[in-house]
Amino acid sequence: PGKQRELVAVFPGGGGSTNYAYSVKGRFTISR
């Protein structure tokens, strides 16, 4: 609420490792 939308975790479109927001690293895991 009251904040802009921010990235949490994404798969890079061109391959490579996933990207995480610093605030969630080590706590959140994205998978597909």
Full PDB file with SEQRES, HELIX, SHEET, SSBOND, CRYST1, ORIGX, SCALE, CONECT and MASTER records, all heavy atoms in Angstrom:
SEQRES   1 A   32  PRO GLY LYS GLN ARG GLU LEU VAL ALA VAL PHE PRO GLY          
SEQRES   2 A   32  GLY GLY GLY SER THR ASN TYR ALA TYR SER VAL LYS GLY          
SEQRES   3 A   32  ARG PHE THR ILE SER ARG                                      
HELIX    1 AA1 TYR A   22  VAL A   24  5                                   3    
SHEET    1 AA1 2 ALA A   9  VAL A  10  0                                        
SHEET    2 AA1 2 ASN A  19  TYR A  20 -1                                        
CRYST1    1.000    1.000    1.000  90.00  90.00  90.00 P 1           1          
ORIGX1      1.000000  0.000000  0.000000        0.00000                         
ORIGX2      0.000000  1.000000  0.000000        0.00000                         
ORIGX3      0.000000  0.000000  1.000000        0.00000                         
SCALE1      1.000000  0.000000  0.000000        0.00000                         
SCALE2      0.000000  1.000000  0.000000        0.00000                         
SCALE3      0.000000  0.000000  1.000000        0.00000                         
ATOM      1  N   PRO A   1       0.818  -1.218   0.000  1.00  0.00           N  
ATOM      2  CA  PRO A   1       0.000   0.000   0.000  1.00  0.00           C  
ATOM      3  C   PRO A   1       0.849   1.263   0.000  1.00  0.00           C  
ATOM      4  O   PRO A   1       1.785   1.391   0.794  1.00  0.00           O  
ATOM      5  CB  PRO A   1      -0.802  -0.123   1.291  1.00  0.00           C  
ATOM      6  CG  PRO A   1      -0.857  -1.581   1.563  1.00  0.00           C  
ATOM      7  CD  PRO A   1       0.455  -2.134   1.083  1.00  0.00           C  
ATOM      8  N   GLY A   2       0.557   2.169  -0.916  1.00  0.00           N  
ATOM      9  CA  GLY A   2       1.273   3.420  -0.978  1.00  0.00           C  
ATOM     10  C   GLY A   2       2.651   3.346  -1.605  1.00  0.00           C  
ATOM     11  O   GLY A   2       3.380   4.343  -1.618  1.00  0.00           O  
ATOM     12  N   LYS A   3       3.015   2.189  -2.121  1.00  0.00           N  
ATOM     13  CA  LYS A   3       4.347   2.024  -2.726  1.00  0.00           C  
ATOM     14  C   LYS A   3       4.229   1.570  -4.176  1.00  0.00           C  
ATOM     15  O   LYS A   3       3.190   1.086  -4.606  1.00  0.00           O  
ATOM     16  CB  LYS A   3       5.170   1.012  -1.929  1.00  0.00           C  
ATOM     17  CG  LYS A   3       5.493   1.449  -0.514  1.00  0.00           C  
ATOM     18  CD  LYS A   3       6.454   0.483   0.151  1.00  0.00           C  
ATOM     19  CE  LYS A   3       6.836   0.957   1.545  1.00  0.00           C  
ATOM     20  NZ  LYS A   3       7.797   0.032   2.195  1.00  0.00           N  
ATOM     21  N   GLN A   4       5.331   1.731  -4.897  1.00  0.00           N  
ATOM     22  CA  GLN A   4       5.361   1.283  -6.280  1.00  0.00           C  
ATOM     23  C   GLN A   4       5.543  -0.229  -6.353  1.00  0.00           C  
ATOM     24  O   GLN A   4       6.073  -0.851  -5.428  1.00  0.00           O  
ATOM     25  CB  GLN A   4       6.505   1.980  -7.021  1.00  0.00           C  
ATOM     26  CG  GLN A   4       6.280   3.462  -7.259  1.00  0.00           C  
ATOM     27  CD  GLN A   4       7.350   4.077  -8.141  1.00  0.00           C  
ATOM     28  OE1 GLN A   4       8.491   3.602  -8.177  1.00  0.00           O  
ATOM     29  NE2 GLN A   4       6.989   5.111  -8.870  1.00  0.00           N  
ATOM     30  N   ARG A   5       5.119  -0.781  -7.457  1.00  0.00           N  
ATOM     31  CA  ARG A   5       5.323  -2.206  -7.684  1.00  0.00           C  
ATOM     32  C   ARG A   5       6.825  -2.466  -7.817  1.00  0.00           C  
ATOM     33  O   ARG A   5       7.538  -1.704  -8.483  1.00  0.00           O  
ATOM     34  CB  ARG A   5       4.600  -2.659  -8.956  1.00  0.00           C  
ATOM     35  CG  ARG A   5       4.526  -4.154  -9.139  1.00  0.00           C  
ATOM     36  CD  ARG A   5       3.623  -4.518 -10.306  1.00  0.00           C  
ATOM     37  NE  ARG A   5       2.241  -4.094 -10.071  1.00  0.00           N  
ATOM     38  CZ  ARG A   5       1.236  -4.442 -10.881  1.00  0.00           C  
ATOM     39  NH1 ARG A   5       1.456  -5.188 -11.954  1.00  0.00           N  
ATOM     40  NH2 ARG A   5       0.011  -4.001 -10.618  1.00  0.00           N  
ATOM     41  N   GLU A   6       7.302  -3.540  -7.174  1.00  0.00           N  
ATOM     42  CA  GLU A   6       8.723  -3.845  -7.197  1.00  0.00           C  
ATOM     43  C   GLU A   6       8.961  -5.299  -7.557  1.00  0.00           C  
ATOM     44  O   GLU A   6       8.128  -6.168  -7.326  1.00  0.00           O  
ATOM     45  CB  GLU A   6       9.354  -3.568  -5.820  1.00  0.00           C  
ATOM     46  CG  GLU A   6       8.818  -4.421  -4.699  1.00  0.00           C  
ATOM     47  CD  GLU A   6       9.540  -4.176  -3.380  1.00  0.00           C  
ATOM     48  OE1 GLU A   6      10.436  -3.326  -3.319  1.00  0.00           O  
ATOM     49  OE2 GLU A   6       9.206  -4.880  -2.405  1.00  0.00           O  
ATOM     50  N   LEU A   7      10.122  -5.536  -8.116  1.00  0.00           N  
ATOM     51  CA  LEU A   7      10.523  -6.887  -8.485  1.00  0.00           C  
ATOM     52  C   LEU A   7      10.790  -7.710  -7.229  1.00  0.00           C  
ATOM     53  O   LEU A   7      11.392  -7.227  -6.265  1.00  0.00           O  
ATOM     54  CB  LEU A   7      11.791  -6.821  -9.341  1.00  0.00           C  
ATOM     55  CG  LEU A   7      12.419  -8.124  -9.840  1.00  0.00           C  
ATOM     56  CD1 LEU A   7      13.131  -7.863 -11.162  1.00  0.00           C  
ATOM     57  CD2 LEU A   7      13.406  -8.693  -8.837  1.00  0.00           C  
ATOM     58  N   VAL A   8      10.309  -8.950  -7.243  1.00  0.00           N  
ATOM     59  CA  VAL A   8      10.609  -9.886  -6.155  1.00  0.00           C  
ATOM     60  C   VAL A   8      11.606 -10.937  -6.657  1.00  0.00           C  
ATOM     61  O   VAL A   8      12.669 -11.127  -6.074  1.00  0.00           O  
ATOM     62  CB  VAL A   8       9.331 -10.572  -5.648  1.00  0.00           C  
ATOM     63  CG1 VAL A   8       9.683 -11.614  -4.581  1.00  0.00           C  
ATOM     64  CG2 VAL A   8       8.358  -9.547  -5.088  1.00  0.00           C  
ATOM     65  N   ALA A   9      11.247 -11.616  -7.732  1.00  0.00           N  
ATOM     66  CA  ALA A   9      12.105 -12.651  -8.294  1.00  0.00           C  
ATOM     67  C   ALA A   9      11.701 -12.895  -9.744  1.00  0.00           C  
ATOM     68  O   ALA A   9      10.508 -12.959 -10.034  1.00  0.00           O  
ATOM     69  CB  ALA A   9      11.997 -13.948  -7.495  1.00  0.00           C  
ATOM     70  N   VAL A  10      12.693 -13.006 -10.623  1.00  0.00           N  
ATOM     71  CA  VAL A  10      12.386 -13.222 -12.035  1.00  0.00           C  
ATOM     72  C   VAL A  10      13.373 -14.195 -12.662  1.00  0.00           C  
ATOM     73  O   VAL A  10      14.524 -14.308 -12.217  1.00  0.00           O  
ATOM     74  CB  VAL A  10      12.415 -11.902 -12.843  1.00  0.00           C  
ATOM     75  CG1 VAL A  10      11.307 -10.978 -12.404  1.00  0.00           C  
ATOM     76  CG2 VAL A  10      13.768 -11.233 -12.757  1.00  0.00           C  
ATOM     77  N   PHE A  11      12.899 -14.868 -13.695  1.00  0.00           N  
ATOM     78  CA  PHE A  11      13.770 -15.654 -14.553  1.00  0.00           C  
ATOM     79  C   PHE A  11      14.262 -14.722 -15.655  1.00  0.00           C  
ATOM     80  O   PHE A  11      13.470 -14.044 -16.289  1.00  0.00           O  
ATOM     81  CB  PHE A  11      13.004 -16.816 -15.189  1.00  0.00           C  
ATOM     82  CG  PHE A  11      12.581 -17.871 -14.223  1.00  0.00           C  
ATOM     83  CD1 PHE A  11      11.270 -17.937 -13.778  1.00  0.00           C  
ATOM     84  CD2 PHE A  11      13.487 -18.805 -13.742  1.00  0.00           C  
ATOM     85  CE1 PHE A  11      10.866 -18.910 -12.889  1.00  0.00           C  
ATOM     86  CE2 PHE A  11      13.100 -19.787 -12.845  1.00  0.00           C  
ATOM     87  CZ  PHE A  11      11.777 -19.838 -12.415  1.00  0.00           C  
ATOM     88  N   PRO A  12      15.547 -14.697 -15.929  1.00  0.00           N  
ATOM     89  CA  PRO A  12      16.029 -13.846 -17.013  1.00  0.00           C  
ATOM     90  C   PRO A  12      15.554 -14.365 -18.360  1.00  0.00           C  
ATOM     91  O   PRO A  12      15.560 -15.566 -18.599  1.00  0.00           O  
ATOM     92  CB  PRO A  12      17.551 -13.946 -16.878  1.00  0.00           C  
ATOM     93  CG  PRO A  12      17.793 -15.231 -16.175  1.00  0.00           C  
ATOM     94  CD  PRO A  12      16.621 -15.433 -15.257  1.00  0.00           C  
ATOM     95  N   GLY A  13      15.139 -13.481 -19.245  1.00  0.00           N  
ATOM     96  CA  GLY A  13      14.595 -13.894 -20.529  1.00  0.00           C  
ATOM     97  C   GLY A  13      15.607 -14.574 -21.422  1.00  0.00           C  
ATOM     98  O   GLY A  13      15.261 -15.443 -22.204  1.00  0.00           O  
ATOM     99  N   GLY A  14      16.862 -14.217 -21.290  1.00  0.00           N  
ATOM    100  CA  GLY A  14      17.882 -14.788 -22.152  1.00  0.00           C  
ATOM    101  C   GLY A  14      18.674 -15.910 -21.526  1.00  0.00           C  
ATOM    102  O   GLY A  14      19.736 -16.291 -22.036  1.00  0.00           O  
ATOM    103  N   GLY A  15      18.177 -16.482 -20.453  1.00  0.00           N  
ATOM    104  CA  GLY A  15      18.910 -17.530 -19.756  1.00  0.00           C  
ATOM    105  C   GLY A  15      19.762 -16.967 -18.644  1.00  0.00           C  
ATOM    106  O   GLY A  15      19.846 -15.767 -18.459  1.00  0.00           O  
ATOM    107  N   GLY A  16      20.430 -17.814 -17.897  1.00  0.00           N  
ATOM    108  CA  GLY A  16      21.230 -17.360 -16.780  1.00  0.00           C  
ATOM    109  C   GLY A  16      20.520 -17.608 -15.470  1.00  0.00           C  
ATOM    110  O   GLY A  16      19.489 -18.261 -15.428  1.00  0.00           O  
ATOM    111  N   SER A  17      21.073 -17.083 -14.408  1.00  0.00           N  
ATOM    112  CA  SER A  17      20.528 -17.345 -13.084  1.00  0.00           C  
ATOM    113  C   SER A  17      19.352 -16.416 -12.796  1.00  0.00           C  
ATOM    114  O   SER A  17      19.225 -15.339 -13.386  1.00  0.00           O  
ATOM    115  CB  SER A  17      21.604 -17.173 -12.018  1.00  0.00           C  
ATOM    116  OG  SER A  17      22.124 -15.867 -12.063  1.00  0.00           O  
ATOM    117  N   THR A  18      18.506 -16.842 -11.876  1.00  0.00           N  
ATOM    118  CA  THR A  18      17.360 -16.029 -11.490  1.00  0.00           C  
ATOM    119  C   THR A  18      17.816 -14.807 -10.706  1.00  0.00           C  
ATOM    120  O   THR A  18      18.897 -14.795 -10.110  1.00  0.00           O  
ATOM    121  CB  THR A  18      16.383 -16.850 -10.644  1.00  0.00           C  
ATOM    122  OG1 THR A  18      17.105 -17.417  -9.537  1.00  0.00           O  
ATOM    123  CG2 THR A  18      15.783 -17.975 -11.457  1.00  0.00           C  
ATOM    124  N   ASN A  19      16.991 -13.779 -10.717  1.00  0.00           N  
ATOM    125  CA  ASN A  19      17.287 -12.548  -9.994  1.00  0.00           C  
ATOM    126  C   ASN A  19      16.302 -12.376  -8.846  1.00  0.00           C  
ATOM    127  O   ASN A  19      15.095 -12.545  -9.032  1.00  0.00           O  
ATOM    128  CB  ASN A  19      17.190 -11.348 -10.936  1.00  0.00           C  
ATOM    129  CG  ASN A  19      18.233 -11.388 -12.033  1.00  0.00           C  
ATOM    130  OD1 ASN A  19      19.361 -11.794 -11.804  1.00  0.00           O  
ATOM    131  ND2 ASN A  19      17.865 -10.970 -13.231  1.00  0.00           N  
ATOM    132  N   TYR A  20      16.810 -12.025  -7.702  1.00  0.00           N  
ATOM    133  CA  TYR A  20      15.982 -11.800  -6.524  1.00  0.00           C  
ATOM    134  C   TYR A  20      16.209 -10.386  -5.992  1.00  0.00           C  
ATOM    135  O   TYR A  20      17.331  -9.868  -6.051  1.00  0.00           O  
ATOM    136  CB  TYR A  20      16.328 -12.782  -5.401  1.00  0.00           C  
ATOM    137  CG  TYR A  20      15.953 -14.225  -5.679  1.00  0.00           C  
ATOM    138  CD1 TYR A  20      16.848 -15.087  -6.290  1.00  0.00           C  
ATOM    139  CD2 TYR A  20      14.701 -14.704  -5.316  1.00  0.00           C  
ATOM    140  CE1 TYR A  20      16.505 -16.411  -6.531  1.00  0.00           C  
ATOM    141  CE2 TYR A  20      14.348 -16.025  -5.549  1.00  0.00           C  
ATOM    142  CZ  TYR A  20      15.255 -16.870  -6.156  1.00  0.00           C  
ATOM    143  OH  TYR A  20      14.914 -18.182  -6.394  1.00  0.00           O  
ATOM    144  N   ALA A  21      15.156  -9.820  -5.432  1.00  0.00           N  
ATOM    145  CA  ALA A  21      15.319  -8.578  -4.689  1.00  0.00           C  
ATOM    146  C   ALA A  21      16.190  -8.853  -3.475  1.00  0.00           C  
ATOM    147  O   ALA A  21      16.109  -9.936  -2.869  1.00  0.00           O  
ATOM    148  CB  ALA A  21      13.962  -8.043  -4.246  1.00  0.00           C  
ATOM    149  N   TYR A  22      17.001  -7.891  -3.116  1.00  0.00           N  
ATOM    150  CA  TYR A  22      17.924  -8.091  -1.984  1.00  0.00           C  
ATOM    151  C   TYR A  22      17.152  -8.461  -0.716  1.00  0.00           C  
ATOM    152  O   TYR A  22      17.606  -9.298   0.068  1.00  0.00           O  
ATOM    153  CB  TYR A  22      18.728  -6.817  -1.767  1.00  0.00           C  
ATOM    154  CG  TYR A  22      19.688  -6.917  -0.609  1.00  0.00           C  
ATOM    155  CD1 TYR A  22      20.922  -7.550  -0.765  1.00  0.00           C  
ATOM    156  CD2 TYR A  22      19.362  -6.387   0.645  1.00  0.00           C  
ATOM    157  CE1 TYR A  22      21.803  -7.654   0.296  1.00  0.00           C  
ATOM    158  CE2 TYR A  22      20.239  -6.488   1.705  1.00  0.00           C  
ATOM    159  CZ  TYR A  22      21.454  -7.120   1.530  1.00  0.00           C  
ATOM    160  OH  TYR A  22      22.327  -7.223   2.584  1.00  0.00           O  
ATOM    161  N   SER A  23      15.986  -7.869  -0.556  1.00  0.00           N  
ATOM    162  CA  SER A  23      15.224  -8.062   0.684  1.00  0.00           C  
ATOM    163  C   SER A  23      14.664  -9.477   0.836  1.00  0.00           C  
ATOM    164  O   SER A  23      14.271  -9.860   1.937  1.00  0.00           O  
ATOM    165  CB  SER A  23      14.074  -7.053   0.752  1.00  0.00           C  
ATOM    166  OG  SER A  23      13.196  -7.231  -0.351  1.00  0.00           O  
ATOM    167  N   VAL A  24      14.632 -10.247  -0.241  1.00  0.00           N  
ATOM    168  CA  VAL A  24      14.052 -11.592  -0.148  1.00  0.00           C  
ATOM    169  C   VAL A  24      15.082 -12.698  -0.375  1.00  0.00           C  
ATOM    170  O   VAL A  24      14.757 -13.882  -0.234  1.00  0.00           O  
ATOM    171  CB  VAL A  24      12.877 -11.773  -1.139  1.00  0.00           C  
ATOM    172  CG1 VAL A  24      11.851 -10.658  -0.975  1.00  0.00           C  
ATOM    173  CG2 VAL A  24      13.366 -11.862  -2.580  1.00  0.00           C  
ATOM    174  N   LYS A  25      16.295 -12.339  -0.721  1.00  0.00           N  
ATOM    175  CA  LYS A  25      17.329 -13.349  -0.976  1.00  0.00           C  
ATOM    176  C   LYS A  25      17.519 -14.237   0.241  1.00  0.00           C  
ATOM    177  O   LYS A  25      17.619 -13.754   1.366  1.00  0.00           O  
ATOM    178  CB  LYS A  25      18.654 -12.681  -1.340  1.00  0.00           C  
ATOM    179  CG  LYS A  25      18.762 -12.272  -2.791  1.00  0.00           C  
ATOM    180  CD  LYS A  25      20.141 -11.726  -3.100  1.00  0.00           C  
ATOM    181  CE  LYS A  25      20.270 -11.374  -4.561  1.00  0.00           C  
ATOM    182  NZ  LYS A  25      21.608 -10.816  -4.898  1.00  0.00           N  
ATOM    183  N   GLY A  26      17.574 -15.537  -0.012  1.00  0.00           N  
ATOM    184  CA  GLY A  26      17.758 -16.497   1.062  1.00  0.00           C  
ATOM    185  C   GLY A  26      16.470 -16.904   1.749  1.00  0.00           C  
ATOM    186  O   GLY A  26      16.452 -17.866   2.524  1.00  0.00           O  
ATOM    187  N   ARG A  27      15.366 -16.178   1.471  1.00  0.00           N  
ATOM    188  CA  ARG A  27      14.078 -16.505   2.079  1.00  0.00           C  
ATOM    189  C   ARG A  27      13.062 -16.979   1.049  1.00  0.00           C  
ATOM    190  O   ARG A  27      12.222 -17.833   1.343  1.00  0.00           O  
ATOM    191  CB  ARG A  27      13.509 -15.287   2.813  1.00  0.00           C  
ATOM    192  CG  ARG A  27      14.380 -14.755   3.918  1.00  0.00           C  
ATOM    193  CD  ARG A  27      13.671 -13.669   4.723  1.00  0.00           C  
ATOM    194  NE  ARG A  27      13.336 -12.502   3.913  1.00  0.00           N  
ATOM    195  CZ  ARG A  27      12.092 -12.030   3.780  1.00  0.00           C  
ATOM    196  NH1 ARG A  27      11.083 -12.625   4.390  1.00  0.00           N  
ATOM    197  NH2 ARG A  27      11.879 -10.964   3.033  1.00  0.00           N  
ATOM    198  N   PHE A  28      13.106 -16.409  -0.149  1.00  0.00           N  
ATOM    199  CA  PHE A  28      12.158 -16.743  -1.210  1.00  0.00           C  
ATOM    200  C   PHE A  28      12.865 -17.546  -2.296  1.00  0.00           C  
ATOM    201  O   PHE A  28      14.035 -17.318  -2.594  1.00  0.00           O  
ATOM    202  CB  PHE A  28      11.588 -15.484  -1.851  1.00  0.00           C  
ATOM    203  CG  PHE A  28      10.669 -14.668  -0.971  1.00  0.00           C  
ATOM    204  CD1 PHE A  28      10.549 -14.926   0.394  1.00  0.00           C  
ATOM    205  CD2 PHE A  28       9.936 -13.635  -1.517  1.00  0.00           C  
ATOM    206  CE1 PHE A  28       9.715 -14.175   1.198  1.00  0.00           C  
ATOM    207  CE2 PHE A  28       9.091 -12.863  -0.727  1.00  0.00           C  
ATOM    208  CZ  PHE A  28       8.983 -13.134   0.628  1.00  0.00           C  
ATOM    209  N   THR A  29      12.114 -18.456  -2.913  1.00  0.00           N  
ATOM    210  CA  THR A  29      12.642 -19.244  -4.023  1.00  0.00           C  
ATOM    211  C   THR A  29      11.620 -19.300  -5.145  1.00  0.00           C  
ATOM    212  O   THR A  29      10.478 -19.696  -4.921  1.00  0.00           O  
ATOM    213  CB  THR A  29      12.987 -20.669  -3.581  1.00  0.00           C  
ATOM    214  OG1 THR A  29      13.923 -20.634  -2.504  1.00  0.00           O  
ATOM    215  CG2 THR A  29      13.606 -21.451  -4.739  1.00  0.00           C  
ATOM    216  N   ILE A  30      12.045 -18.901  -6.335  1.00  0.00           N  
ATOM    217  CA  ILE A  30      11.180 -18.972  -7.511  1.00  0.00           C  
ATOM    218  C   ILE A  30      11.475 -20.263  -8.256  1.00  0.00           C  
ATOM    219  O   ILE A  30      12.626 -20.710  -8.322  1.00  0.00           O  
ATOM    220  CB  ILE A  30      11.399 -17.740  -8.427  1.00  0.00           C  
ATOM    221  CG1 ILE A  30      10.352 -17.689  -9.531  1.00  0.00           C  
ATOM    222  CG2 ILE A  30      12.808 -17.722  -8.996  1.00  0.00           C  
ATOM    223  CD1 ILE A  30      10.418 -16.400 -10.356  1.00  0.00           C  
ATOM    224  N   SER A  31      10.428 -20.877  -8.785  1.00  0.00           N  
ATOM    225  CA  SER A  31      10.611 -22.094  -9.564  1.00  0.00           C  
ATOM    226  C   SER A  31       9.523 -22.165 -10.627  1.00  0.00           C  
ATOM    227  O   SER A  31       8.543 -21.419 -10.589  1.00  0.00           O  
ATOM    228  CB  SER A  31      10.572 -23.337  -8.666  1.00  0.00           C  
ATOM    229  OG  SER A  31       9.322 -23.446  -8.025  1.00  0.00           O  
ATOM    230  N   ARG A  32       9.727 -23.058 -11.575  1.00  0.00           N  
ATOM    231  CA  ARG A  32       8.758 -23.158 -12.673  1.00  0.00           C  
ATOM    232  C   ARG A  32       8.641 -24.607 -13.095  1.00  0.00           C  
ATOM    233  O   ARG A  32       9.640 -25.304 -13.251  1.00  0.00           O  
ATOM    234  CB  ARG A  32       9.225 -22.271 -13.841  1.00  0.00           C  
ATOM    235  CG  ARG A  32       8.228 -22.046 -14.939  1.00  0.00           C  
ATOM    236  CD  ARG A  32       8.637 -20.864 -15.815  1.00  0.00           C  
ATOM    237  NE  ARG A  32       9.971 -20.972 -16.340  1.00  0.00           N  
ATOM    238  CZ  ARG A  32      10.618 -19.975 -16.958  1.00  0.00           C  
ATOM    239  NH1 ARG A  32      10.032 -18.800 -17.097  1.00  0.00           N  
ATOM    240  NH2 ARG A  32      11.837 -20.153 -17.417  1.00  0.00           N  
TER     241      ARG A  32                                                      
MASTER        0    0    0    1    2    0    0    6  240    1    0    3          
END                                                                             
